[in-house]
PDB file of all heavy atoms in Angstrom:
ATOM      1  N   LEU A   1      69.187   9.197 -73.914  1.00  0.00           N
ATOM      2  CA  LEU A   1      69.656   7.844 -74.218  1.00  0.00           C
ATOM      3  C   LEU A   1      68.892   7.191 -75.354  1.00  0.00           C
ATOM      4  O   LEU A   1      69.403   6.263 -75.988  1.00  0.00           O
ATOM      5  CB  LEU A   1      69.574   6.982 -72.949  1.00  0.00           C
ATOM      6  CG  LEU A   1      70.445   7.471 -71.783  1.00  0.00           C
ATOM      7  CD1 LEU A   1      70.265   6.568 -70.576  1.00  0.00           C
ATOM      8  CD2 LEU A   1      71.915   7.543 -72.198  1.00  0.00           C
ATOM      9  N   GLY A   2      67.691   7.668 -75.640  1.00  0.00           N
ATOM     10  CA  GLY A   2      66.935   7.114 -76.749  1.00  0.00           C
ATOM     11  C   GLY A   2      67.264   7.748 -78.088  1.00  0.00           C
ATOM     12  O   GLY A   2      66.591   7.460 -79.092  1.00  0.00           O
ATOM     13  N   GLN A   3      68.292   8.602 -78.138  1.00  0.00           N
ATOM     14  CA  GLN A   3      68.612   9.345 -79.365  1.00  0.00           C
ATOM     15  C   GLN A   3      69.960   8.946 -79.963  1.00  0.00           C
ATOM     16  O   GLN A   3      70.578   9.717 -80.687  1.00  0.00           O
ATOM     17  CB  GLN A   3      68.610  10.857 -79.064  1.00  0.00           C
ATOM     18  CG  GLN A   3      67.324  11.372 -78.467  1.00  0.00           C
ATOM     19  CD  GLN A   3      66.156  11.247 -79.422  1.00  0.00           C
ATOM     20  OE1 GLN A   3      66.327  11.338 -80.639  1.00  0.00           O
ATOM     21  NE2 GLN A   3      64.956  11.057 -78.878  1.00  0.00           N
ATOM     22  N   ARG A   4      70.412   7.733 -79.679  1.00  0.00           N
ATOM     23  CA  ARG A   4      71.716   7.301 -80.165  1.00  0.00           C
ATOM     24  C   ARG A   4      71.804   7.305 -81.685  1.00  0.00           C
ATOM     25  O   ARG A   4      72.841   7.646 -82.267  1.00  0.00           O
ATOM     26  CB  ARG A   4      72.040   5.906 -79.618  1.00  0.00           C
ATOM     27  CG  ARG A   4      72.327   5.867 -78.136  1.00  0.00           C
ATOM     28  CD  ARG A   4      73.553   6.712 -77.794  1.00  0.00           C
ATOM     29  NE  ARG A   4      74.722   6.300 -78.517  1.00  0.00           N
ATOM     30  CZ  ARG A   4      75.554   5.350 -78.112  1.00  0.00           C
ATOM     31  NH1 ARG A   4      75.327   4.719 -76.974  1.00  0.00           N
ATOM     32  NH2 ARG A   4      76.624   5.039 -78.817  1.00  0.00           N
ATOM     33  N   GLU A   5      70.740   6.887 -82.364  1.00  0.00           N
ATOM     34  CA  GLU A   5      70.779   6.826 -83.833  1.00  0.00           C
ATOM     35  C   GLU A   5      71.001   8.205 -84.434  1.00  0.00           C
ATOM     36  O   GLU A   5      71.790   8.360 -85.379  1.00  0.00           O
ATOM     37  CB  GLU A   5      69.470   6.235 -84.361  1.00  0.00           C
ATOM     38  CG  GLU A   5      69.458   6.070 -85.879  1.00  0.00           C
ATOM     39  CD  GLU A   5      68.183   5.420 -86.391  1.00  0.00           C
ATOM     40  OE1 GLU A   5      67.361   4.967 -85.551  1.00  0.00           O
ATOM     41  OE2 GLU A   5      68.006   5.362 -87.621  1.00  0.00           O
ATOM     42  N   LEU A   6      70.320   9.214 -83.887  1.00  0.00           N
ATOM     43  CA  LEU A   6      70.497  10.578 -84.382  1.00  0.00           C
ATOM     44  C   LEU A   6      71.926  11.058 -84.138  1.00  0.00           C
ATOM     45  O   LEU A   6      72.531  11.699 -85.008  1.00  0.00           O
ATOM     46  CB  LEU A   6      69.498  11.511 -83.698  1.00  0.00           C
ATOM     47  CG  LEU A   6      69.405  12.934 -84.236  1.00  0.00           C
ATOM     48  CD1 LEU A   6      68.961  12.940 -85.698  1.00  0.00           C
ATOM     49  CD2 LEU A   6      68.442  13.764 -83.391  1.00  0.00           C
ATOM     50  N   MET A   7      72.486  10.736 -82.984  1.00  0.00           N
ATOM     51  CA  MET A   7      73.860  11.136 -82.695  1.00  0.00           C
ATOM     52  C   MET A   7      74.854  10.431 -83.610  1.00  0.00           C
ATOM     53  O   MET A   7      75.831  11.038 -84.066  1.00  0.00           O
ATOM     54  CB  MET A   7      74.191  10.850 -81.225  1.00  0.00           C
ATOM     55  CG  MET A   7      73.460  11.764 -80.248  1.00  0.00           C
ATOM     56  SD  MET A   7      74.024  11.573 -78.532  1.00  0.00           S
ATOM     57  CE  MET A   7      73.131  10.091 -78.059  1.00  0.00           C
ATOM     58  N   ASP A   8      74.605   9.158 -83.891  1.00  0.00           N
ATOM     59  CA  ASP A   8      75.514   8.386 -84.738  1.00  0.00           C
ATOM     60  C   ASP A   8      75.572   8.919 -86.169  1.00  0.00           C
ATOM     61  O   ASP A   8      76.564   8.719 -86.871  1.00  0.00           O
ATOM     62  CB  ASP A   8      75.090   6.917 -84.769  1.00  0.00           C
ATOM     63  CG  ASP A   8      75.369   6.210 -83.450  1.00  0.00           C
ATOM     64  OD1 ASP A   8      76.175   6.737 -82.662  1.00  0.00           O
ATOM     65  OD2 ASP A   8      74.775   5.136 -83.212  1.00  0.00           O
ATOM     66  N   GLN A   9      74.537   9.611 -86.622  1.00  0.00           N
ATOM     67  CA  GLN A   9      74.473  10.098 -88.000  1.00  0.00           C
ATOM     68  C   GLN A   9      75.301  11.362 -88.226  1.00  0.00           C
ATOM     69  O   GLN A   9      75.552  11.750 -89.363  1.00  0.00           O
ATOM     70  CB  GLN A   9      73.014  10.376 -88.382  1.00  0.00           C
ATOM     71  CG  GLN A   9      72.150   9.128 -88.481  1.00  0.00           C
ATOM     72  CD  GLN A   9      70.682   9.461 -88.679  1.00  0.00           C
ATOM     73  OE1 GLN A   9      70.289  10.635 -88.667  1.00  0.00           O
ATOM     74  NE2 GLN A   9      69.868   8.442 -88.867  1.00  0.00           N
ATOM     75  N   ALA A  10      75.729  12.008 -87.153  1.00  0.00           N
ATOM     76  CA  ALA A  10      76.435  13.285 -87.266  1.00  0.00           C
ATOM     77  C   ALA A  10      77.942  13.087 -87.376  1.00  0.00           C
ATOM     78  O   ALA A  10      78.508  12.146 -86.825  1.00  0.00           O
ATOM     79  CB  ALA A  10      76.116  14.156 -86.056  1.00  0.00           C
ATOM     80  N   GLU A  11      78.579  13.994 -88.091  1.00  0.00           N
ATOM     81  CA  GLU A  11      80.043  14.030 -88.156  1.00  0.00           C
ATOM     82  C   GLU A  11      80.620  14.784 -86.958  1.00  0.00           C
ATOM     83  O   GLU A  11      81.710  14.467 -86.479  1.00  0.00           O
ATOM     84  CB  GLU A  11      80.505  14.706 -89.450  1.00  0.00           C
ATOM     85  CG  GLU A  11      80.030  14.032 -90.726  1.00  0.00           C
ATOM     86  CD  GLU A  11      80.653  12.664 -90.931  1.00  0.00           C
ATOM     87  OE1 GLU A  11      81.668  12.364 -90.267  1.00  0.00           O
ATOM     88  OE2 GLU A  11      80.123  11.894 -91.746  1.00  0.00           O
ATOM     89  N   VAL A  12      79.903  15.799 -86.520  1.00  0.00           N
ATOM     90  CA  VAL A  12      80.317  16.619 -85.384  1.00  0.00           C
ATOM     91  C   VAL A  12      79.069  16.921 -84.566  1.00  0.00           C
ATOM     92  O   VAL A  12      77.987  17.131 -85.125  1.00  0.00           O
ATOM     93  CB  VAL A  12      80.972  17.941 -85.827  1.00  0.00           C
ATOM     94  CG1 VAL A  12      81.430  18.748 -84.615  1.00  0.00           C
ATOM     95  CG2 VAL A  12      82.143  17.696 -86.757  1.00  0.00           C
ATOM     96  N   ILE A  13      79.215  16.966 -83.242  1.00  0.00           N
ATOM     97  CA  ILE A  13      78.094  17.277 -82.360  1.00  0.00           C
ATOM     98  C   ILE A  13      78.418  18.537 -81.559  1.00  0.00           C
ATOM     99  O   ILE A  13      79.482  18.631 -80.947  1.00  0.00           O
ATOM    100  CB  ILE A  13      77.791  16.109 -81.403  1.00  0.00           C
ATOM    101  CG1 ILE A  13      77.392  14.863 -82.198  1.00  0.00           C
ATOM    102  CG2 ILE A  13      76.673  16.486 -80.425  1.00  0.00           C
ATOM    103  CD1 ILE A  13      77.182  13.630 -81.343  1.00  0.00           C
ATOM    104  N   ILE A  14      77.518  19.482 -81.591  1.00  0.00           N
ATOM    105  CA  ILE A  14      77.619  20.697 -80.777  1.00  0.00           C
ATOM    106  C   ILE A  14      76.657  20.544 -79.605  1.00  0.00           C
ATOM    107  O   ILE A  14      75.465  20.303 -79.798  1.00  0.00           O
ATOM    108  CB  ILE A  14      77.261  21.953 -81.595  1.00  0.00           C
ATOM    109  CG1 ILE A  14      78.263  22.148 -82.750  1.00  0.00           C
ATOM    110  CG2 ILE A  14      77.227  23.189 -80.706  1.00  0.00           C
ATOM    111  CD1 ILE A  14      77.887  23.272 -83.705  1.00  0.00           C
ATOM    112  N   VAL A  15      77.175  20.673 -78.395  1.00  0.00           N
ATOM    113  CA  VAL A  15      76.361  20.539 -77.184  1.00  0.00           C
ATOM    114  C   VAL A  15      76.293  21.895 -76.493  1.00  0.00           C
ATOM    115  O   VAL A  15      77.321  22.447 -76.085  1.00  0.00           O
ATOM    116  CB  VAL A  15      76.940  19.485 -76.227  1.00  0.00           C
ATOM    117  CG1 VAL A  15      76.102  19.420 -74.952  1.00  0.00           C
ATOM    118  CG2 VAL A  15      76.986  18.115 -76.901  1.00  0.00           C
ATOM    119  N   VAL A  16      75.085  22.431 -76.366  1.00  0.00           N
ATOM    120  CA  VAL A  16      74.861  23.743 -75.767  1.00  0.00           C
ATOM    121  C   VAL A  16      74.198  23.538 -74.412  1.00  0.00           C
ATOM    122  O   VAL A  16      73.106  22.958 -74.330  1.00  0.00           O
ATOM    123  CB  VAL A  16      73.963  24.613 -76.670  1.00  0.00           C
ATOM    124  CG1 VAL A  16      73.823  26.013 -76.095  1.00  0.00           C
ATOM    125  CG2 VAL A  16      74.523  24.661 -78.094  1.00  0.00           C
ATOM    126  N   ALA A  17      74.844  23.980 -73.335  1.00  0.00           N
ATOM    127  CA  ALA A  17      74.313  23.711 -71.999  1.00  0.00           C
ATOM    128  C   ALA A  17      74.716  24.798 -71.020  1.00  0.00           C
ATOM    129  O   ALA A  17      75.843  25.295 -71.047  1.00  0.00           O
ATOM    130  CB  ALA A  17      74.812  22.351 -71.494  1.00  0.00           C
ATOM    131  N   GLY A  18      73.776  25.127 -70.134  1.00  0.00           N
ATOM    132  CA  GLY A  18      74.053  26.051 -69.048  1.00  0.00           C
ATOM    133  C   GLY A  18      74.127  25.294 -67.731  1.00  0.00           C
ATOM    134  O   GLY A  18      74.579  24.160 -67.680  1.00  0.00           O
ATOM    135  N   MET A  19      73.660  25.941 -66.651  1.00  0.00           N
ATOM    136  CA  MET A  19      73.724  25.361 -65.314  1.00  0.00           C
ATOM    137  C   MET A  19      75.152  24.855 -65.026  1.00  0.00           C
ATOM    138  O   MET A  19      76.089  25.623 -65.042  1.00  0.00           O
ATOM    139  CB  MET A  19      72.694  24.238 -65.159  1.00  0.00           C
ATOM    140  CG  MET A  19      71.253  24.698 -65.345  1.00  0.00           C
ATOM    141  SD  MET A  19      70.715  25.741 -63.984  1.00  0.00           S
ATOM    142  CE  MET A  19      68.995  25.949 -64.390  1.00  0.00           C
ATOM    143  N   GLU A  20      75.306  23.537 -64.800  1.00  0.00           N
ATOM    144  CA  GLU A  20      76.644  22.991 -64.532  1.00  0.00           C
ATOM    145  C   GLU A  20      77.316  22.444 -65.785  1.00  0.00           C
ATOM    146  O   GLU A  20      78.457  21.971 -65.728  1.00  0.00           O
ATOM    147  CB  GLU A  20      76.580  21.902 -63.448  1.00  0.00           C
ATOM    148  CG  GLU A  20      76.202  20.509 -63.928  1.00  0.00           C
ATOM    149  CD  GLU A  20      74.736  20.349 -64.338  1.00  0.00           C
ATOM    150  OE1 GLU A  20      74.023  21.352 -64.512  1.00  0.00           O
ATOM    151  OE2 GLU A  20      74.313  19.206 -64.486  1.00  0.00           O
ATOM    152  N   GLY A  21      76.638  22.494 -66.932  1.00  0.00           N
ATOM    153  CA  GLY A  21      77.256  22.107 -68.198  1.00  0.00           C
ATOM    154  C   GLY A  21      77.567  20.636 -68.331  1.00  0.00           C
ATOM    155  O   GLY A  21      78.444  20.246 -69.110  1.00  0.00           O
ATOM    156  N   ALA A  22      76.851  19.767 -67.621  1.00  0.00           N
ATOM    157  CA  ALA A  22      77.203  18.349 -67.581  1.00  0.00           C
ATOM    158  C   ALA A  22      76.884  17.591 -68.864  1.00  0.00           C
ATOM    159  O   ALA A  22      77.471  16.536 -69.124  1.00  0.00           O
ATOM    160  CB  ALA A  22      76.485  17.673 -66.406  1.00  0.00           C
ATOM    161  N   LEU A  23      75.961  18.107 -69.666  1.00  0.00           N
ATOM    162  CA  LEU A  23      75.541  17.363 -70.849  1.00  0.00           C
ATOM    163  C   LEU A  23      76.701  17.070 -71.794  1.00  0.00           C
ATOM    164  O   LEU A  23      76.764  15.991 -72.399  1.00  0.00           O
ATOM    165  CB  LEU A  23      74.444  18.124 -71.601  1.00  0.00           C
ATOM    166  CG  LEU A  23      73.885  17.438 -72.843  1.00  0.00           C
ATOM    167  CD1 LEU A  23      73.244  16.096 -72.497  1.00  0.00           C
ATOM    168  CD2 LEU A  23      72.885  18.349 -73.560  1.00  0.00           C
ATOM    169  N   ALA A  24      77.624  17.998 -71.930  1.00  0.00           N
ATOM    170  CA  ALA A  24      78.761  17.790 -72.835  1.00  0.00           C
ATOM    171  C   ALA A  24      79.580  16.574 -72.421  1.00  0.00           C
ATOM    172  O   ALA A  24      80.003  15.777 -73.270  1.00  0.00           O
ATOM    173  CB  ALA A  24      79.634  19.033 -72.877  1.00  0.00           C
ATOM    174  N   SER A  25      79.813  16.405 -71.123  1.00  0.00           N
ATOM    175  CA  SER A  25      80.572  15.251 -70.643  1.00  0.00           C
ATOM    176  C   SER A  25      79.836  13.952 -70.911  1.00  0.00           C
ATOM    177  O   SER A  25      80.442  12.947 -71.302  1.00  0.00           O
ATOM    178  CB  SER A  25      80.840  15.387 -69.139  1.00  0.00           C
ATOM    179  OG  SER A  25      81.691  16.482 -68.887  1.00  0.00           O
ATOM    180  N   VAL A  26      78.527  13.947 -70.706  1.00  0.00           N
ATOM    181  CA  VAL A  26      77.732  12.741 -70.936  1.00  0.00           C
ATOM    182  C   VAL A  26      77.786  12.352 -72.410  1.00  0.00           C
ATOM    183  O   VAL A  26      78.040  11.190 -72.757  1.00  0.00           O
ATOM    184  CB  VAL A  26      76.279  12.953 -70.486  1.00  0.00           C
ATOM    185  CG1 VAL A  26      75.416  11.756 -70.891  1.00  0.00           C
ATOM    186  CG2 VAL A  26      76.215  13.164 -68.992  1.00  0.00           C
ATOM    187  N   VAL A  27      77.579  13.321 -73.291  1.00  0.00           N
ATOM    188  CA  VAL A  27      77.610  13.038 -74.732  1.00  0.00           C
ATOM    189  C   VAL A  27      79.003  12.584 -75.147  1.00  0.00           C
ATOM    190  O   VAL A  27      79.162  11.628 -75.917  1.00  0.00           O
ATOM    191  CB  VAL A  27      77.163  14.275 -75.536  1.00  0.00           C
ATOM    192  CG1 VAL A  27      77.335  14.031 -77.037  1.00  0.00           C
ATOM    193  CG2 VAL A  27      75.712  14.608 -75.232  1.00  0.00           C
ATOM    194  N   GLY A  28      80.029  13.248 -74.627  1.00  0.00           N
ATOM    195  CA  GLY A  28      81.403  12.870 -74.957  1.00  0.00           C
ATOM    196  C   GLY A  28      81.739  11.447 -74.577  1.00  0.00           C
ATOM    197  O   GLY A  28      82.587  10.802 -75.208  1.00  0.00           O
ATOM    198  N   GLY A  29      81.076  10.917 -73.547  1.00  0.00           N
ATOM    199  CA  GLY A  29      81.313   9.547 -73.131  1.00  0.00           C
ATOM    200  C   GLY A  29      80.492   8.522 -73.893  1.00  0.00           C
ATOM    201  O   GLY A  29      80.673   7.317 -73.686  1.00  0.00           O
ATOM    202  N   LEU A  30      79.619   8.990 -74.786  1.00  0.00           N
ATOM    203  CA  LEU A  30      78.740   8.079 -75.528  1.00  0.00           C
ATOM    204  C   LEU A  30      79.098   7.932 -77.003  1.00  0.00           C
ATOM    205  O   LEU A  30      78.723   6.940 -77.630  1.00  0.00           O
ATOM    206  CB  LEU A  30      77.286   8.561 -75.435  1.00  0.00           C
ATOM    207  CG  LEU A  30      76.595   8.491 -74.072  1.00  0.00           C
ATOM    208  CD1 LEU A  30      75.218   9.149 -74.155  1.00  0.00           C
ATOM    209  CD2 LEU A  30      76.470   7.056 -73.603  1.00  0.00           C
ATOM    210  N   VAL A  31      79.801   8.925 -77.579  1.00  0.00           N
ATOM    211  CA  VAL A  31      79.979   8.954 -79.029  1.00  0.00           C
ATOM    212  C   VAL A  31      81.457   8.976 -79.408  1.00  0.00           C
ATOM    213  O   VAL A  31      82.326   9.305 -78.591  1.00  0.00           O
ATOM    214  CB  VAL A  31      79.269  10.181 -79.649  1.00  0.00           C
ATOM    215  CG1 VAL A  31      77.779  10.184 -79.292  1.00  0.00           C
ATOM    216  CG2 VAL A  31      79.916  11.486 -79.183  1.00  0.00           C
TER     217      VAL A  31
END
């Protein structure tokens, strides 16, 4: 949550995740 500025600077975001893969959903709901 403290990395919004870095995310806002990107044109496209690649999210790499194992386990249950939840990070992609969280990022998708923020940007």
